[in-house]
mmCIF file of all heavy atoms, coordinates in Angstrom:
data_MODEL
# 
_entry.id   MODEL 
# 
loop_
_atom_site.group_PDB 
_atom_site.id 
_atom_site.type_symbol 
_atom_site.label_atom_id 
_atom_site.label_alt_id 
_atom_site.label_comp_id 
_atom_site.label_asym_id 
_atom_site.label_entity_id 
_atom_site.label_seq_id 
_atom_site.pdbx_PDB_ins_code 
_atom_site.Cartn_x 
_atom_site.Cartn_y 
_atom_site.Cartn_z 
_atom_site.occupancy 
_atom_site.B_iso_or_equiv 
_atom_site.pdbx_formal_charge 
_atom_site.auth_seq_id 
_atom_site.auth_comp_id 
_atom_site.auth_asym_id 
_atom_site.auth_atom_id 
_atom_site.pdbx_PDB_model_num 
ATOM 1   N N   . PRO A 1 1  ? 10.573  -5.088  -8.155  1.00 0.00 ? 1  PRO A N   1 
ATOM 2   C CA  . PRO A 1 1  ? 11.788  -5.521  -7.470  1.00 0.00 ? 1  PRO A CA  1 
ATOM 3   C C   . PRO A 1 1  ? 12.920  -4.501  -7.526  1.00 0.00 ? 1  PRO A C   1 
ATOM 4   O O   . PRO A 1 1  ? 13.932  -4.663  -6.826  1.00 0.00 ? 1  PRO A O   1 
ATOM 5   C CB  . PRO A 1 1  ? 12.173  -6.809  -8.211  1.00 0.00 ? 1  PRO A CB  1 
ATOM 6   C CG  . PRO A 1 1  ? 11.572  -6.653  -9.570  1.00 0.00 ? 1  PRO A CG  1 
ATOM 7   C CD  . PRO A 1 1  ? 10.298  -5.884  -9.369  1.00 0.00 ? 1  PRO A CD  1 
ATOM 8   N N   . PHE A 1 2  ? 12.767  -3.469  -8.318  1.00 0.00 ? 2  PHE A N   1 
ATOM 9   C CA  . PHE A 1 2  ? 13.818  -2.455  -8.437  1.00 0.00 ? 2  PHE A CA  1 
ATOM 10  C C   . PHE A 1 2  ? 13.550  -1.218  -7.587  1.00 0.00 ? 2  PHE A C   1 
ATOM 11  O O   . PHE A 1 2  ? 14.352  -0.294  -7.551  1.00 0.00 ? 2  PHE A O   1 
ATOM 12  C CB  . PHE A 1 2  ? 14.012  -2.075  -9.907  1.00 0.00 ? 2  PHE A CB  1 
ATOM 13  C CG  . PHE A 1 2  ? 14.562  -3.205  -10.731 1.00 0.00 ? 2  PHE A CG  1 
ATOM 14  C CD1 . PHE A 1 2  ? 13.714  -4.059  -11.418 1.00 0.00 ? 2  PHE A CD1 1 
ATOM 15  C CD2 . PHE A 1 2  ? 15.929  -3.453  -10.788 1.00 0.00 ? 2  PHE A CD2 1 
ATOM 16  C CE1 . PHE A 1 2  ? 14.215  -5.126  -12.154 1.00 0.00 ? 2  PHE A CE1 1 
ATOM 17  C CE2 . PHE A 1 2  ? 16.439  -4.514  -11.520 1.00 0.00 ? 2  PHE A CE2 1 
ATOM 18  C CZ  . PHE A 1 2  ? 15.578  -5.359  -12.209 1.00 0.00 ? 2  PHE A CZ  1 
ATOM 19  N N   . SER A 1 3  ? 12.427  -1.224  -6.887  1.00 0.00 ? 3  SER A N   1 
ATOM 20  C CA  . SER A 1 3  ? 12.139  -0.126  -5.968  1.00 0.00 ? 3  SER A CA  1 
ATOM 21  C C   . SER A 1 3  ? 12.990  -0.273  -4.711  1.00 0.00 ? 3  SER A C   1 
ATOM 22  O O   . SER A 1 3  ? 13.257  -1.380  -4.254  1.00 0.00 ? 3  SER A O   1 
ATOM 23  C CB  . SER A 1 3  ? 10.651  -0.125  -5.592  1.00 0.00 ? 3  SER A CB  1 
ATOM 24  O OG  . SER A 1 3  ? 10.403  0.800   -4.547  1.00 0.00 ? 3  SER A OG  1 
ATOM 25  N N   . GLU A 1 4  ? 13.384  0.852   -4.128  1.00 0.00 ? 4  GLU A N   1 
ATOM 26  C CA  . GLU A 1 4  ? 14.122  0.831   -2.862  1.00 0.00 ? 4  GLU A CA  1 
ATOM 27  C C   . GLU A 1 4  ? 13.181  0.882   -1.669  1.00 0.00 ? 4  GLU A C   1 
ATOM 28  O O   . GLU A 1 4  ? 13.630  0.807   -0.523  1.00 0.00 ? 4  GLU A O   1 
ATOM 29  C CB  . GLU A 1 4  ? 15.119  1.992   -2.813  1.00 0.00 ? 4  GLU A CB  1 
ATOM 30  C CG  . GLU A 1 4  ? 16.295  1.847   -3.766  1.00 0.00 ? 4  GLU A CG  1 
ATOM 31  C CD  . GLU A 1 4  ? 17.162  0.621   -3.477  1.00 0.00 ? 4  GLU A CD  1 
ATOM 32  O OE1 . GLU A 1 4  ? 17.170  0.157   -2.321  1.00 0.00 ? 4  GLU A OE1 1 
ATOM 33  O OE2 . GLU A 1 4  ? 17.810  0.116   -4.408  1.00 0.00 ? 4  GLU A OE2 1 
ATOM 34  N N   . GLU A 1 5  ? 11.880  1.023   -1.925  1.00 0.00 ? 5  GLU A N   1 
ATOM 35  C CA  . GLU A 1 5  ? 10.911  0.995   -0.838  1.00 0.00 ? 5  GLU A CA  1 
ATOM 36  C C   . GLU A 1 5  ? 10.531  -0.449  -0.504  1.00 0.00 ? 5  GLU A C   1 
ATOM 37  O O   . GLU A 1 5  ? 10.633  -1.341  -1.346  1.00 0.00 ? 5  GLU A O   1 
ATOM 38  C CB  . GLU A 1 5  ? 9.629   1.742   -1.240  1.00 0.00 ? 5  GLU A CB  1 
ATOM 39  C CG  . GLU A 1 5  ? 9.788   3.233   -1.409  1.00 0.00 ? 5  GLU A CG  1 
ATOM 40  C CD  . GLU A 1 5  ? 8.467   3.889   -1.747  1.00 0.00 ? 5  GLU A CD  1 
ATOM 41  O OE1 . GLU A 1 5  ? 7.871   3.524   -2.782  1.00 0.00 ? 5  GLU A OE1 1 
ATOM 42  O OE2 . GLU A 1 5  ? 8.042   4.772   -0.981  1.00 0.00 ? 5  GLU A OE2 1 
ATOM 43  N N   . ILE A 1 6  ? 10.087  -0.671  0.741   1.00 0.00 ? 6  ILE A N   1 
ATOM 44  C CA  . ILE A 1 6  ? 9.542   -1.979  1.095   1.00 0.00 ? 6  ILE A CA  1 
ATOM 45  C C   . ILE A 1 6  ? 8.413   -2.311  0.126   1.00 0.00 ? 6  ILE A C   1 
ATOM 46  O O   . ILE A 1 6  ? 7.635   -1.432  -0.267  1.00 0.00 ? 6  ILE A O   1 
ATOM 47  C CB  . ILE A 1 6  ? 9.026   -1.958  2.540   1.00 0.00 ? 6  ILE A CB  1 
ATOM 48  C CG1 . ILE A 1 6  ? 10.181  -1.686  3.504   1.00 0.00 ? 6  ILE A CG1 1 
ATOM 49  C CG2 . ILE A 1 6  ? 8.342   -3.275  2.900   1.00 0.00 ? 6  ILE A CG2 1 
ATOM 50  C CD1 . ILE A 1 6  ? 9.751   -1.501  4.931   1.00 0.00 ? 6  ILE A CD1 1 
ATOM 51  N N   . GLU A 1 7  ? 8.315   -3.567  -0.262  1.00 0.00 ? 7  GLU A N   1 
ATOM 52  C CA  . GLU A 1 7  ? 7.418   -3.922  -1.359  1.00 0.00 ? 7  GLU A CA  1 
ATOM 53  C C   . GLU A 1 7  ? 5.976   -3.486  -1.130  1.00 0.00 ? 7  GLU A C   1 
ATOM 54  O O   . GLU A 1 7  ? 5.302   -3.000  -2.058  1.00 0.00 ? 7  GLU A O   1 
ATOM 55  C CB  . GLU A 1 7  ? 7.492   -5.427  -1.664  1.00 0.00 ? 7  GLU A CB  1 
ATOM 56  C CG  . GLU A 1 7  ? 6.772   -6.364  -0.708  1.00 0.00 ? 7  GLU A CG  1 
ATOM 57  C CD  . GLU A 1 7  ? 7.621   -6.821  0.463   1.00 0.00 ? 7  GLU A CD  1 
ATOM 58  O OE1 . GLU A 1 7  ? 8.633   -6.165  0.771   1.00 0.00 ? 7  GLU A OE1 1 
ATOM 59  O OE2 . GLU A 1 7  ? 7.263   -7.830  1.071   1.00 0.00 ? 7  GLU A OE2 1 
ATOM 60  N N   . HIS A 1 8  ? 5.466   -3.621  0.103   1.00 0.00 ? 8  HIS A N   1 
ATOM 61  C CA  . HIS A 1 8  ? 4.077   -3.235  0.358   1.00 0.00 ? 8  HIS A CA  1 
ATOM 62  C C   . HIS A 1 8  ? 3.909   -1.716  0.288   1.00 0.00 ? 8  HIS A C   1 
ATOM 63  O O   . HIS A 1 8  ? 2.907   -1.219  -0.238  1.00 0.00 ? 8  HIS A O   1 
ATOM 64  C CB  . HIS A 1 8  ? 3.622   -3.734  1.724   1.00 0.00 ? 8  HIS A CB  1 
ATOM 65  C CG  . HIS A 1 8  ? 3.527   -5.210  1.826   1.00 0.00 ? 8  HIS A CG  1 
ATOM 66  N ND1 . HIS A 1 8  ? 2.916   -5.998  0.873   1.00 0.00 ? 8  HIS A ND1 1 
ATOM 67  C CD2 . HIS A 1 8  ? 3.973   -6.078  2.778   1.00 0.00 ? 8  HIS A CD2 1 
ATOM 68  C CE1 . HIS A 1 8  ? 2.984   -7.260  1.224   1.00 0.00 ? 8  HIS A CE1 1 
ATOM 69  N NE2 . HIS A 1 8  ? 3.622   -7.337  2.377   1.00 0.00 ? 8  HIS A NE2 1 
ATOM 70  N N   . VAL A 1 9  ? 4.848   -0.982  0.833   1.00 0.00 ? 9  VAL A N   1 
ATOM 71  C CA  . VAL A 1 9  ? 4.754   0.480   0.837   1.00 0.00 ? 9  VAL A CA  1 
ATOM 72  C C   . VAL A 1 9  ? 4.707   0.995   -0.599  1.00 0.00 ? 9  VAL A C   1 
ATOM 73  O O   . VAL A 1 9  ? 3.894   1.859   -0.955  1.00 0.00 ? 9  VAL A O   1 
ATOM 74  C CB  . VAL A 1 9  ? 5.932   1.099   1.611   1.00 0.00 ? 9  VAL A CB  1 
ATOM 75  C CG1 . VAL A 1 9  ? 5.910   2.631   1.488   1.00 0.00 ? 9  VAL A CG1 1 
ATOM 76  C CG2 . VAL A 1 9  ? 5.881   0.684   3.078   1.00 0.00 ? 9  VAL A CG2 1 
ATOM 77  N N   . ASN A 1 10 ? 5.574   0.461   -1.444  1.00 0.00 ? 10 ASN A N   1 
ATOM 78  C CA  . ASN A 1 10 ? 5.588   0.866   -2.850  1.00 0.00 ? 10 ASN A CA  1 
ATOM 79  C C   . ASN A 1 10 ? 4.302   0.457   -3.553  1.00 0.00 ? 10 ASN A C   1 
ATOM 80  O O   . ASN A 1 10 ? 3.699   1.247   -4.297  1.00 0.00 ? 10 ASN A O   1 
ATOM 81  C CB  . ASN A 1 10 ? 6.799   0.239   -3.543  1.00 0.00 ? 10 ASN A CB  1 
ATOM 82  C CG  . ASN A 1 10 ? 6.878   0.574   -5.019  1.00 0.00 ? 10 ASN A CG  1 
ATOM 83  O OD1 . ASN A 1 10 ? 6.466   -0.213  -5.872  1.00 0.00 ? 10 ASN A OD1 1 
ATOM 84  N ND2 . ASN A 1 10 ? 7.416   1.738   -5.314  1.00 0.00 ? 10 ASN A ND2 1 
ATOM 85  N N   . PHE A 1 11 ? 3.857   -0.772  -3.310  1.00 0.00 ? 11 PHE A N   1 
ATOM 86  C CA  . PHE A 1 11 ? 2.639   -1.289  -3.950  1.00 0.00 ? 11 PHE A CA  1 
ATOM 87  C C   . PHE A 1 11 ? 1.419   -0.459  -3.562  1.00 0.00 ? 11 PHE A C   1 
ATOM 88  O O   . PHE A 1 11 ? 0.613   -0.059  -4.419  1.00 0.00 ? 11 PHE A O   1 
ATOM 89  C CB  . PHE A 1 11 ? 2.439   -2.754  -3.552  1.00 0.00 ? 11 PHE A CB  1 
ATOM 90  C CG  . PHE A 1 11 ? 1.272   -3.426  -4.205  1.00 0.00 ? 11 PHE A CG  1 
ATOM 91  C CD1 . PHE A 1 11 ? 1.404   -4.024  -5.445  1.00 0.00 ? 11 PHE A CD1 1 
ATOM 92  C CD2 . PHE A 1 11 ? 0.032   -3.468  -3.580  1.00 0.00 ? 11 PHE A CD2 1 
ATOM 93  C CE1 . PHE A 1 11 ? 0.321   -4.650  -6.058  1.00 0.00 ? 11 PHE A CE1 1 
ATOM 94  C CE2 . PHE A 1 11 ? -1.045  -4.088  -4.176  1.00 0.00 ? 11 PHE A CE2 1 
ATOM 95  C CZ  . PHE A 1 11 ? -0.901  -4.684  -5.422  1.00 0.00 ? 11 PHE A CZ  1 
ATOM 96  N N   . PHE A 1 12 ? 1.274   -0.154  -2.271  1.00 0.00 ? 12 PHE A N   1 
ATOM 97  C CA  . PHE A 1 12 ? 0.090   0.571   -1.823  1.00 0.00 ? 12 PHE A CA  1 
ATOM 98  C C   . PHE A 1 12 ? 0.134   2.047   -2.207  1.00 0.00 ? 12 PHE A C   1 
ATOM 99  O O   . PHE A 1 12 ? -0.919  2.686   -2.331  1.00 0.00 ? 12 PHE A O   1 
ATOM 100 C CB  . PHE A 1 12 ? -0.100  0.395   -0.319  1.00 0.00 ? 12 PHE A CB  1 
ATOM 101 C CG  . PHE A 1 12 ? -0.583  -0.971  0.052   1.00 0.00 ? 12 PHE A CG  1 
ATOM 102 C CD1 . PHE A 1 12 ? 0.088   -1.738  0.995   1.00 0.00 ? 12 PHE A CD1 1 
ATOM 103 C CD2 . PHE A 1 12 ? -1.702  -1.519  -0.554  1.00 0.00 ? 12 PHE A CD2 1 
ATOM 104 C CE1 . PHE A 1 12 ? -0.345  -3.008  1.329   1.00 0.00 ? 12 PHE A CE1 1 
ATOM 105 C CE2 . PHE A 1 12 ? -2.149  -2.790  -0.236  1.00 0.00 ? 12 PHE A CE2 1 
ATOM 106 C CZ  . PHE A 1 12 ? -1.474  -3.534  0.711   1.00 0.00 ? 12 PHE A CZ  1 
ATOM 107 N N   . SER A 1 13 ? 1.315   2.586   -2.392  1.00 0.00 ? 13 SER A N   1 
ATOM 108 C CA  . SER A 1 13 ? 1.402   3.949   -2.909  1.00 0.00 ? 13 SER A CA  1 
ATOM 109 C C   . SER A 1 13 ? 0.780   4.017   -4.305  1.00 0.00 ? 13 SER A C   1 
ATOM 110 O O   . SER A 1 13 ? 0.022   4.952   -4.623  1.00 0.00 ? 13 SER A O   1 
ATOM 111 C CB  . SER A 1 13 ? 2.869   4.394   -2.963  1.00 0.00 ? 13 SER A CB  1 
ATOM 112 O OG  . SER A 1 13 ? 2.990   5.676   -3.550  1.00 0.00 ? 13 SER A OG  1 
ATOM 113 N N   . LYS A 1 14 ? 1.058   3.022   -5.119  1.00 0.00 ? 14 LYS A N   1 
ATOM 114 C CA  . LYS A 1 14 ? 0.464   2.962   -6.461  1.00 0.00 ? 14 LYS A CA  1 
ATOM 115 C C   . LYS A 1 14 ? -1.036  2.706   -6.379  1.00 0.00 ? 14 LYS A C   1 
ATOM 116 O O   . LYS A 1 14 ? -1.813  3.270   -7.162  1.00 0.00 ? 14 LYS A O   1 
ATOM 117 C CB  . LYS A 1 14 ? 1.139   1.856   -7.274  1.00 0.00 ? 14 LYS A CB  1 
ATOM 118 C CG  . LYS A 1 14 ? 2.620   2.088   -7.543  1.00 0.00 ? 14 LYS A CG  1 
ATOM 119 C CD  . LYS A 1 14 ? 3.233   0.885   -8.235  1.00 0.00 ? 14 LYS A CD  1 
ATOM 120 C CE  . LYS A 1 14 ? 4.722   1.043   -8.446  1.00 0.00 ? 14 LYS A CE  1 
ATOM 121 N NZ  . LYS A 1 14 ? 5.337   -0.172  -9.028  1.00 0.00 ? 14 LYS A NZ  1 
ATOM 122 N N   . ALA A 1 15 ? -1.451  1.858   -5.439  1.00 0.00 ? 15 ALA A N   1 
ATOM 123 C CA  . ALA A 1 15 ? -2.880  1.572   -5.285  1.00 0.00 ? 15 ALA A CA  1 
ATOM 124 C C   . ALA A 1 15 ? -3.647  2.818   -4.865  1.00 0.00 ? 15 ALA A C   1 
ATOM 125 O O   . ALA A 1 15 ? -4.730  3.102   -5.395  1.00 0.00 ? 15 ALA A O   1 
ATOM 126 C CB  . ALA A 1 15 ? -3.076  0.449   -4.269  1.00 0.00 ? 15 ALA A CB  1 
ATOM 127 N N   . ARG A 1 16 ? -3.107  3.558   -3.915  1.00 0.00 ? 16 ARG A N   1 
ATOM 128 C CA  . ARG A 1 16 ? -3.791  4.773   -3.457  1.00 0.00 ? 16 ARG A CA  1 
ATOM 129 C C   . ARG A 1 16 ? -3.881  5.809   -4.576  1.00 0.00 ? 16 ARG A C   1 
ATOM 130 O O   . ARG A 1 16 ? -4.865  6.556   -4.672  1.00 0.00 ? 16 ARG A O   1 
ATOM 131 C CB  . ARG A 1 16 ? -3.075  5.355   -2.244  1.00 0.00 ? 16 ARG A CB  1 
ATOM 132 C CG  . ARG A 1 16 ? -3.310  4.540   -0.974  1.00 0.00 ? 16 ARG A CG  1 
ATOM 133 C CD  . ARG A 1 16 ? -2.717  5.173   0.264   1.00 0.00 ? 16 ARG A CD  1 
ATOM 134 N NE  . ARG A 1 16 ? -1.273  5.146   0.261   1.00 0.00 ? 16 ARG A NE  1 
ATOM 135 C CZ  . ARG A 1 16 ? -0.487  6.181   0.055   1.00 0.00 ? 16 ARG A CZ  1 
ATOM 136 N NH1 . ARG A 1 16 ? -1.020  7.377   -0.183  1.00 0.00 ? 16 ARG A NH1 1 
ATOM 137 N NH2 . ARG A 1 16 ? 0.828   6.063   0.068   1.00 0.00 ? 16 ARG A NH2 1 
ATOM 138 N N   . ALA A 1 17 ? -2.885  5.832   -5.448  1.00 0.00 ? 17 ALA A N   1 
ATOM 139 C CA  . ALA A 1 17 ? -2.918  6.755   -6.588  1.00 0.00 ? 17 ALA A CA  1 
ATOM 140 C C   . ALA A 1 17 ? -4.052  6.421   -7.545  1.00 0.00 ? 17 ALA A C   1 
ATOM 141 O O   . ALA A 1 17 ? -4.521  7.289   -8.289  1.00 0.00 ? 17 ALA A O   1 
ATOM 142 C CB  . ALA A 1 17 ? -1.574  6.722   -7.324  1.00 0.00 ? 17 ALA A CB  1 
ATOM 143 N N   . LYS A 1 18 ? -4.507  5.168   -7.515  1.00 0.00 ? 18 LYS A N   1 
ATOM 144 C CA  . LYS A 1 18 ? -5.635  4.743   -8.338  1.00 0.00 ? 18 LYS A CA  1 
ATOM 145 C C   . LYS A 1 18 ? -6.967  4.844   -7.598  1.00 0.00 ? 18 LYS A C   1 
ATOM 146 O O   . LYS A 1 18 ? -7.993  4.388   -8.088  1.00 0.00 ? 18 LYS A O   1 
ATOM 147 C CB  . LYS A 1 18 ? -5.425  3.297   -8.813  1.00 0.00 ? 18 LYS A CB  1 
ATOM 148 C CG  . LYS A 1 18 ? -4.317  3.128   -9.842  1.00 0.00 ? 18 LYS A CG  1 
ATOM 149 C CD  . LYS A 1 18 ? -4.165  1.661   -10.227 1.00 0.00 ? 18 LYS A CD  1 
ATOM 150 C CE  . LYS A 1 18 ? -3.183  1.474   -11.367 1.00 0.00 ? 18 LYS A CE  1 
ATOM 151 N NZ  . LYS A 1 18 ? -3.733  1.917   -12.669 1.00 0.00 ? 18 LYS A NZ  1 
ATOM 152 N N   . GLY A 1 19 ? -6.938  5.414   -6.393  1.00 0.00 ? 19 GLY A N   1 
ATOM 153 C CA  . GLY A 1 19 ? -8.171  5.615   -5.639  1.00 0.00 ? 19 GLY A CA  1 
ATOM 154 C C   . GLY A 1 19 ? -8.551  4.479   -4.710  1.00 0.00 ? 19 GLY A C   1 
ATOM 155 O O   . GLY A 1 19 ? -9.658  4.487   -4.153  1.00 0.00 ? 19 GLY A O   1 
ATOM 156 N N   . ILE A 1 20 ? -7.670  3.504   -4.519  1.00 0.00 ? 20 ILE A N   1 
ATOM 157 C CA  . ILE A 1 20 ? -7.956  2.375   -3.634  1.00 0.00 ? 20 ILE A CA  1 
ATOM 158 C C   . ILE A 1 20 ? -7.807  2.804   -2.179  1.00 0.00 ? 20 ILE A C   1 
ATOM 159 O O   . ILE A 1 20 ? -6.822  3.446   -1.802  1.00 0.00 ? 20 ILE A O   1 
ATOM 160 C CB  . ILE A 1 20 ? -7.020  1.195   -3.927  1.00 0.00 ? 20 ILE A CB  1 
ATOM 161 C CG1 . ILE A 1 20 ? -7.150  0.746   -5.393  1.00 0.00 ? 20 ILE A CG1 1 
ATOM 162 C CG2 . ILE A 1 20 ? -7.291  0.031   -2.980  1.00 0.00 ? 20 ILE A CG2 1 
ATOM 163 C CD1 . ILE A 1 20 ? -8.515  0.248   -5.779  1.00 0.00 ? 20 ILE A CD1 1 
ATOM 164 N N   . LYS A 1 21 ? -8.768  2.443   -1.358  1.00 0.00 ? 21 LYS A N   1 
ATOM 165 C CA  . LYS A 1 21 ? -8.718  2.719   0.070   1.00 0.00 ? 21 LYS A CA  1 
ATOM 166 C C   . LYS A 1 21 ? -8.085  1.536   0.798   1.00 0.00 ? 21 LYS A C   1 
ATOM 167 O O   . LYS A 1 21 ? -8.320  0.371   0.446   1.00 0.00 ? 21 LYS A O   1 
ATOM 168 C CB  . LYS A 1 21 ? -10.114 2.977   0.636   1.00 0.00 ? 21 LYS A CB  1 
ATOM 169 C CG  . LYS A 1 21 ? -10.877 4.114   -0.053  1.00 0.00 ? 21 LYS A CG  1 
ATOM 170 C CD  . LYS A 1 21 ? -10.252 5.462   0.209   1.00 0.00 ? 21 LYS A CD  1 
ATOM 171 C CE  . LYS A 1 21 ? -11.106 6.584   -0.360  1.00 0.00 ? 21 LYS A CE  1 
ATOM 172 N NZ  . LYS A 1 21 ? -10.492 7.920   -0.143  1.00 0.00 ? 21 LYS A NZ  1 
ATOM 173 N N   . ILE A 1 22 ? -7.312  1.844   1.841   1.00 0.00 ? 22 ILE A N   1 
ATOM 174 C CA  . ILE A 1 22 ? -6.643  0.821   2.637   1.00 0.00 ? 22 ILE A CA  1 
ATOM 175 C C   . ILE A 1 22 ? -7.014  1.051   4.091   1.00 0.00 ? 22 ILE A C   1 
ATOM 176 O O   . ILE A 1 22 ? -6.884  2.168   4.604   1.00 0.00 ? 22 ILE A O   1 
ATOM 177 C CB  . ILE A 1 22 ? -5.114  0.903   2.460   1.00 0.00 ? 22 ILE A CB  1 
ATOM 178 C CG1 . ILE A 1 22 ? -4.747  0.799   0.980   1.00 0.00 ? 22 ILE A CG1 1 
ATOM 179 C CG2 . ILE A 1 22 ? -4.414  -0.191  3.264   1.00 0.00 ? 22 ILE A CG2 1 
ATOM 180 C CD1 . ILE A 1 22 ? -3.375  1.332   0.647   1.00 0.00 ? 22 ILE A CD1 1 
ATOM 181 N N   . TYR A 1 23 ? -7.461  -0.016  4.765   1.00 0.00 ? 23 TYR A N   1 
ATOM 182 C CA  . TYR A 1 23 ? -7.913  0.108   6.156   1.00 0.00 ? 23 TYR A CA  1 
ATOM 183 C C   . TYR A 1 23 ? -7.185  -0.892  7.050   1.00 0.00 ? 23 TYR A C   1 
ATOM 184 O O   . TYR A 1 23 ? -6.881  -2.015  6.636   1.00 0.00 ? 23 TYR A O   1 
ATOM 185 C CB  . TYR A 1 23 ? -9.420  -0.144  6.253   1.00 0.00 ? 23 TYR A CB  1 
ATOM 186 C CG  . TYR A 1 23 ? -10.258 0.902   5.563   1.00 0.00 ? 23 TYR A CG  1 
ATOM 187 C CD1 . TYR A 1 23 ? -10.715 0.701   4.257   1.00 0.00 ? 23 TYR A CD1 1 
ATOM 188 C CD2 . TYR A 1 23 ? -10.587 2.096   6.201   1.00 0.00 ? 23 TYR A CD2 1 
ATOM 189 C CE1 . TYR A 1 23 ? -11.473 1.670   3.611   1.00 0.00 ? 23 TYR A CE1 1 
ATOM 190 C CE2 . TYR A 1 23 ? -11.343 3.065   5.569   1.00 0.00 ? 23 TYR A CE2 1 
ATOM 191 C CZ  . TYR A 1 23 ? -11.788 2.850   4.272   1.00 0.00 ? 23 TYR A CZ  1 
ATOM 192 O OH  . TYR A 1 23 ? -12.534 3.811   3.637   1.00 0.00 ? 23 TYR A OH  1 
ATOM 193 N N   . ALA A 1 24 ? -6.942  -0.471  8.281   1.00 0.00 ? 24 ALA A N   1 
ATOM 194 C CA  . ALA A 1 24 ? -6.463  -1.370  9.340   1.00 0.00 ? 24 ALA A CA  1 
ATOM 195 C C   . ALA A 1 24 ? -7.517  -1.373  10.440  1.00 0.00 ? 24 ALA A C   1 
ATOM 196 O O   . ALA A 1 24 ? -7.965  -0.313  10.883  1.00 0.00 ? 24 ALA A O   1 
ATOM 197 C CB  . ALA A 1 24 ? -5.123  -0.890  9.886   1.00 0.00 ? 24 ALA A CB  1 
ATOM 198 N N   . ASP A 1 25 ? -7.910  -2.583  10.860  1.00 0.00 ? 25 ASP A N   1 
ATOM 199 C CA  . ASP A 1 25 ? -9.011  -2.713  11.813  1.00 0.00 ? 25 ASP A CA  1 
ATOM 200 C C   . ASP A 1 25 ? -8.557  -3.484  13.051  1.00 0.00 ? 25 ASP A C   1 
ATOM 201 O O   . ASP A 1 25 ? -8.232  -4.673  12.964  1.00 0.00 ? 25 ASP A O   1 
ATOM 202 C CB  . ASP A 1 25 ? -10.180 -3.434  11.154  1.00 0.00 ? 25 ASP A CB  1 
ATOM 203 C CG  . ASP A 1 25 ? -11.462 -3.331  11.956  1.00 0.00 ? 25 ASP A CG  1 
ATOM 204 O OD1 . ASP A 1 25 ? -11.391 -3.321  13.200  1.00 0.00 ? 25 ASP A OD1 1 
ATOM 205 O OD2 . ASP A 1 25 ? -12.550 -3.263  11.347  1.00 0.00 ? 25 ASP A OD2 1 
ATOM 206 N N   . PRO A 1 26 ? -8.538  -2.827  14.227  1.00 0.00 ? 26 PRO A N   1 
ATOM 207 C CA  . PRO A 1 26 ? -8.080  -3.494  15.444  1.00 0.00 ? 26 PRO A CA  1 
ATOM 208 C C   . PRO A 1 26 ? -9.049  -4.519  16.007  1.00 0.00 ? 26 PRO A C   1 
ATOM 209 O O   . PRO A 1 26 ? -8.694  -5.236  16.950  1.00 0.00 ? 26 PRO A O   1 
ATOM 210 C CB  . PRO A 1 26 ? -7.893  -2.327  16.429  1.00 0.00 ? 26 PRO A CB  1 
ATOM 211 C CG  . PRO A 1 26 ? -8.875  -1.296  15.969  1.00 0.00 ? 26 PRO A CG  1 
ATOM 212 C CD  . PRO A 1 26 ? -8.889  -1.422  14.469  1.00 0.00 ? 26 PRO A CD  1 
ATOM 213 N N   . SER A 1 27 ? -10.251 -4.602  15.453  1.00 0.00 ? 27 SER A N   1 
ATOM 214 C CA  . SER A 1 27 ? -11.207 -5.600  15.960  1.00 0.00 ? 27 SER A CA  1 
ATOM 215 C C   . SER A 1 27 ? -10.816 -7.011  15.538  1.00 0.00 ? 27 SER A C   1 
ATOM 216 O O   . SER A 1 27 ? -11.365 -7.992  16.045  1.00 0.00 ? 27 SER A O   1 
ATOM 217 C CB  . SER A 1 27 ? -12.625 -5.282  15.465  1.00 0.00 ? 27 SER A CB  1 
ATOM 218 O OG  . SER A 1 27 ? -12.752 -5.507  14.068  1.00 0.00 ? 27 SER A OG  1 
ATOM 219 N N   . ILE A 1 28 ? -9.875  -7.133  14.605  1.00 0.00 ? 28 ILE A N   1 
ATOM 220 C CA  . ILE A 1 28 ? -9.368  -8.433  14.156  1.00 0.00 ? 28 ILE A CA  1 
ATOM 221 C C   . ILE A 1 28 ? -7.867  -8.450  14.430  1.00 0.00 ? 28 ILE A C   1 
ATOM 222 O O   . ILE A 1 28 ? -7.154  -7.510  14.072  1.00 0.00 ? 28 ILE A O   1 
ATOM 223 C CB  . ILE A 1 28 ? -9.637  -8.661  12.658  1.00 0.00 ? 28 ILE A CB  1 
ATOM 224 C CG1 . ILE A 1 28 ? -11.104 -8.410  12.323  1.00 0.00 ? 28 ILE A CG1 1 
ATOM 225 C CG2 . ILE A 1 28 ? -9.236  -10.086 12.258  1.00 0.00 ? 28 ILE A CG2 1 
ATOM 226 C CD1 . ILE A 1 28 ? -11.402 -8.428  10.842  1.00 0.00 ? 28 ILE A CD1 1 
# 
């Protein structure tokens, strides 16, 4: 809650640093 980034952007930045892949799929 103390980050100035939007919550998802901050959260996924940390996730990607741990090697997590994030995908967006236009078929859904």
